[in-house]
Structure formats: C-alpha cells, structure tokens
Amino acid sequence: MQVQKATHIQAEQSLYDRDFMLWVETTAQLLKEQKFTELDLENLIEEIESMGKSEKSAVRSNLTVVLMHLLKWKFQPDKRTNSWKASIREHRRRLRDDFQTSPSLKPYFIEVFTKCYEDSREQAADETGLDLSIFPVESAFTPEQALDPDFLP
C-alpha cells in the first residue's frame, strides 16, 4: 500500500517538482517546437523572474567584495596581500562580464553602490578588527574606481 501511495503522490507532483533538470530540458524542447500550450507557464515565469534576481544579487555580492577589499587595502597597508589584490581583480572581472552580457545591469550597479559600500564598510570592520569609525561613512571610492582594473587606493 505504501508503494502505491508514494507512486500516486509522485504522479500528482509536477515534473518541475520531481526533476528540475528534466523540466528545464522539456521546457526548452517545447519552446523550440513552439508547443506553447503545453508549457508549464507558472513555473517558467517564476524561473525567469528568479534569473533576473540572481543577476542582481551577483552584482551586489561582487561589488561588496570589491569595495571591502579596497577598504582593507587602503586602511591596512601593512597587511596587504596578493590574495586581496587577486580578489579585487576577480570580482571586477565578474562585474565586467555581467555588464557585457547584460548592459542593463550597469544602472542597477549605480543604484545599489551606496548600499553595497555600507555593507562593505561593516564587513571590512569585521574582517580587520578595526573600529567601524575608521572607515568613512561616505564611500571612499567612486563607482568608476571600483571597476577600474588599474585602481588601488
């Protein structure tokens, strides 16, 4: 009886819930074949919206890391490491790649710059053990400097 009940529950679950990757492949195939009436529109819309949110989240995350390491670089010159420099370079590259594939993210970058700086300031204080007041309340860097591959304070 348990096997029959489990099979019944699985049959009631959508493909999206049972096997996400298979759902993606099936959805792509249905789109290619223009079988629009067979699409799971509710989950497709949700996934497309989620993709946009993920892209924005990546911008915020990468920008916060760049700004945090720039702050550490500026305010702890005696503790500078190649790993900080490499992290700055890597996260700048990620941002450039994001802007190349999705230019509409650049205005979002400007929009969240101040909030990301606030977050990076707190994170830099936590990581360095320095008092938060050491780091300027207003951004110590411009958005252009944050992206400039040659800029180090």
Protein backbone atom coordinates (compact mmCIF):
# COMPACT_ATOMS: atom_id res chain seq x y z
CA MET A 1 0.00 0.00 0.00
CA GLN A 2 2.89 2.39 0.78
CA VAL A 3 4.43 1.92 -2.69
CA GLN A 4 1.10 2.63 -4.35
CA LYS A 5 0.60 5.75 -2.19
CA ALA A 6 4.13 7.02 -2.97
CA THR A 7 3.59 6.43 -6.69
CA HIS A 8 0.28 8.30 -6.53
CA ILE A 9 1.91 11.27 -4.74
CA GLN A 10 4.73 11.32 -7.30
CA ALA A 11 2.20 11.24 -10.14
CA GLU A 12 0.45 14.27 -8.62
CA GLN A 13 3.70 16.23 -8.41
CA SER A 14 4.60 18.24 -11.45
CA LEU A 15 7.71 17.44 -13.46
CA TYR A 16 9.11 20.71 -12.09
CA ASP A 17 8.85 19.32 -8.54
CA ARG A 18 10.06 15.81 -9.41
CA ASP A 19 13.05 16.55 -11.64
CA PHE A 20 14.04 20.17 -12.20
CA MET A 21 16.71 19.47 -14.83
CA LEU A 22 14.33 17.30 -16.86
CA TRP A 23 11.74 20.08 -16.56
CA VAL A 24 14.27 22.59 -17.97
CA GLU A 25 15.16 20.31 -20.88
CA THR A 26 11.49 19.57 -21.60
CA THR A 27 10.57 23.25 -21.42
CA ALA A 28 13.38 24.18 -23.83
CA GLN A 29 12.26 21.48 -26.25
CA LEU A 30 8.61 22.62 -26.07
CA LEU A 31 9.72 26.19 -26.79
CA LYS A 32 11.83 25.06 -29.76
CA GLU A 33 8.88 23.13 -31.11
CA GLN A 34 6.59 26.11 -30.43
CA LYS A 35 4.26 23.94 -28.36
CA PHE A 36 3.30 26.88 -26.18
CA THR A 37 0.05 25.39 -24.88
CA GLU A 38 2.00 22.52 -23.30
CA LEU A 39 4.31 24.81 -21.31
CA ASP A 40 4.25 24.95 -17.52
CA LEU A 41 3.84 28.73 -17.62
CA GLU A 42 3.55 29.29 -13.88
CA ASN A 43 6.94 27.74 -13.14
CA LEU A 44 8.51 29.14 -16.32
CA ILE A 45 7.56 32.69 -15.31
CA GLU A 46 8.85 32.06 -11.78
CA GLU A 47 12.20 30.80 -13.11
CA ILE A 48 12.63 33.73 -15.49
CA GLU A 49 11.93 36.20 -12.68
CA SER A 50 14.35 34.31 -10.46
CA MET A 51 17.08 34.58 -13.10
CA GLY A 52 16.83 38.38 -13.01
CA LYS A 53 17.00 38.38 -9.23
CA SER A 54 20.09 36.16 -9.32
CA GLU A 55 21.86 38.51 -11.73
CA LYS A 56 21.16 41.48 -9.48
CA SER A 57 22.27 39.54 -6.42
CA ALA A 58 25.57 38.70 -8.14
CA VAL A 59 26.17 42.39 -8.88
CA ARG A 60 25.58 43.32 -5.23
CA SER A 61 27.77 40.50 -3.97
CA ASN A 62 30.69 41.18 -6.33
CA LEU A 63 30.56 44.92 -5.74
CA THR A 64 30.53 44.46 -1.96
CA VAL A 65 33.61 42.23 -2.15
CA VAL A 66 35.47 44.73 -4.36
CA LEU A 67 34.66 47.62 -2.05
CA MET A 68 35.53 45.67 1.09
CA HIS A 69 38.93 44.69 -0.26
CA LEU A 70 39.58 48.24 -1.46
CA LEU A 71 38.84 49.46 2.06
CA LYS A 72 41.14 46.86 3.58
CA TRP A 73 43.82 47.77 1.02
CA LYS A 74 43.54 51.46 1.88
CA PHE A 75 43.27 51.23 5.65
CA GLN A 76 45.61 48.31 6.33
CA PRO A 77 48.59 48.98 4.05
CA ASP A 78 50.90 46.92 6.28
CA LYS A 79 48.69 43.83 5.86
CA ARG A 80 48.19 43.95 2.09
CA THR A 81 48.25 40.55 0.44
CA ASN A 82 48.23 39.26 -3.08
CA SER A 83 45.01 37.44 -2.27
CA TRP A 84 43.27 40.79 -1.63
CA LYS A 85 44.56 42.08 -4.95
CA ALA A 86 43.50 38.87 -6.71
CA SER A 87 40.05 39.06 -5.14
CA ILE A 88 39.61 42.66 -6.29
CA ARG A 89 40.67 41.68 -9.82
CA GLU A 90 38.40 38.60 -9.90
CA HIS A 91 35.28 40.39 -8.68
CA ARG A 92 35.87 43.33 -11.01
CA ARG A 93 36.13 40.82 -13.87
CA ARG A 94 32.85 39.24 -12.81
CA LEU A 95 31.18 42.64 -12.82
CA ARG A 96 32.60 43.49 -16.26
CA ASP A 97 31.38 40.13 -17.57
CA ASP A 98 27.92 40.76 -16.12
CA PHE A 99 27.77 44.21 -17.75
CA GLN A 100 28.94 42.80 -21.07
CA THR A 101 26.24 40.11 -21.16
CA SER A 102 23.58 42.31 -19.53
CA PRO A 103 24.30 46.02 -20.06
CA SER A 104 21.05 46.90 -18.30
CA LEU A 105 22.70 45.85 -15.02
CA LYS A 106 25.03 48.88 -15.09
CA PRO A 107 22.34 51.35 -13.89
CA TYR A 108 21.47 48.85 -11.15
CA PHE A 109 25.16 48.84 -10.12
CA ILE A 110 24.97 52.63 -9.69
CA GLU A 111 21.65 52.34 -7.85
CA VAL A 112 23.00 49.90 -5.22
CA PHE A 113 26.52 51.33 -4.96
CA THR A 114 25.88 53.26 -1.73
CA LYS A 115 24.17 50.31 -0.02
CA CYS A 116 26.97 47.97 -1.08
CA TYR A 117 29.52 50.42 0.29
CA GLU A 118 27.69 50.47 3.63
CA ASP A 119 27.73 46.67 3.71
CA SER A 120 31.40 46.50 2.68
CA ARG A 121 32.32 49.01 5.38
CA GLU A 122 30.76 46.80 8.06
CA GLN A 123 32.32 43.68 6.60
CA ALA A 124 35.76 45.32 6.42
CA ALA A 125 35.48 46.30 10.08
CA ASP A 126 34.52 42.73 11.00
CA GLU A 127 37.36 41.19 8.98
CA THR A 128 40.08 43.61 10.06
CA GLY A 129 39.06 44.07 13.67
CA LEU A 130 39.34 47.82 13.11
CA ASP A 131 36.65 50.06 14.56
CA LEU A 132 33.86 50.84 12.10
CA SER A 133 34.55 54.56 12.57
CA ILE A 134 37.95 54.12 10.86
CA PHE A 135 36.14 53.64 7.55
CA PRO A 136 34.47 56.74 6.05
CA VAL A 137 30.68 56.81 6.17
CA GLU A 138 30.60 58.20 2.62
CA SER A 139 32.17 55.98 0.00
CA ALA A 140 35.91 56.33 -0.19
CA PHE A 141 35.72 55.31 -3.86
CA THR A 142 33.70 56.22 -6.91
CA PRO A 143 31.80 53.64 -8.95
CA GLU A 144 34.35 54.18 -11.73
CA GLN A 145 37.24 53.45 -9.38
CA ALA A 146 35.53 50.31 -8.14
CA LEU A 147 35.53 48.98 -11.71
CA ASP A 148 38.89 50.39 -12.84
CA PRO A 149 41.27 47.43 -13.28
CA ASP A 150 44.28 49.66 -12.51
CA PHE A 151 42.90 51.45 -9.44
CA LEU A 152 44.18 50.62 -5.97
CA PRO A 153 43.97 53.24 -3.21
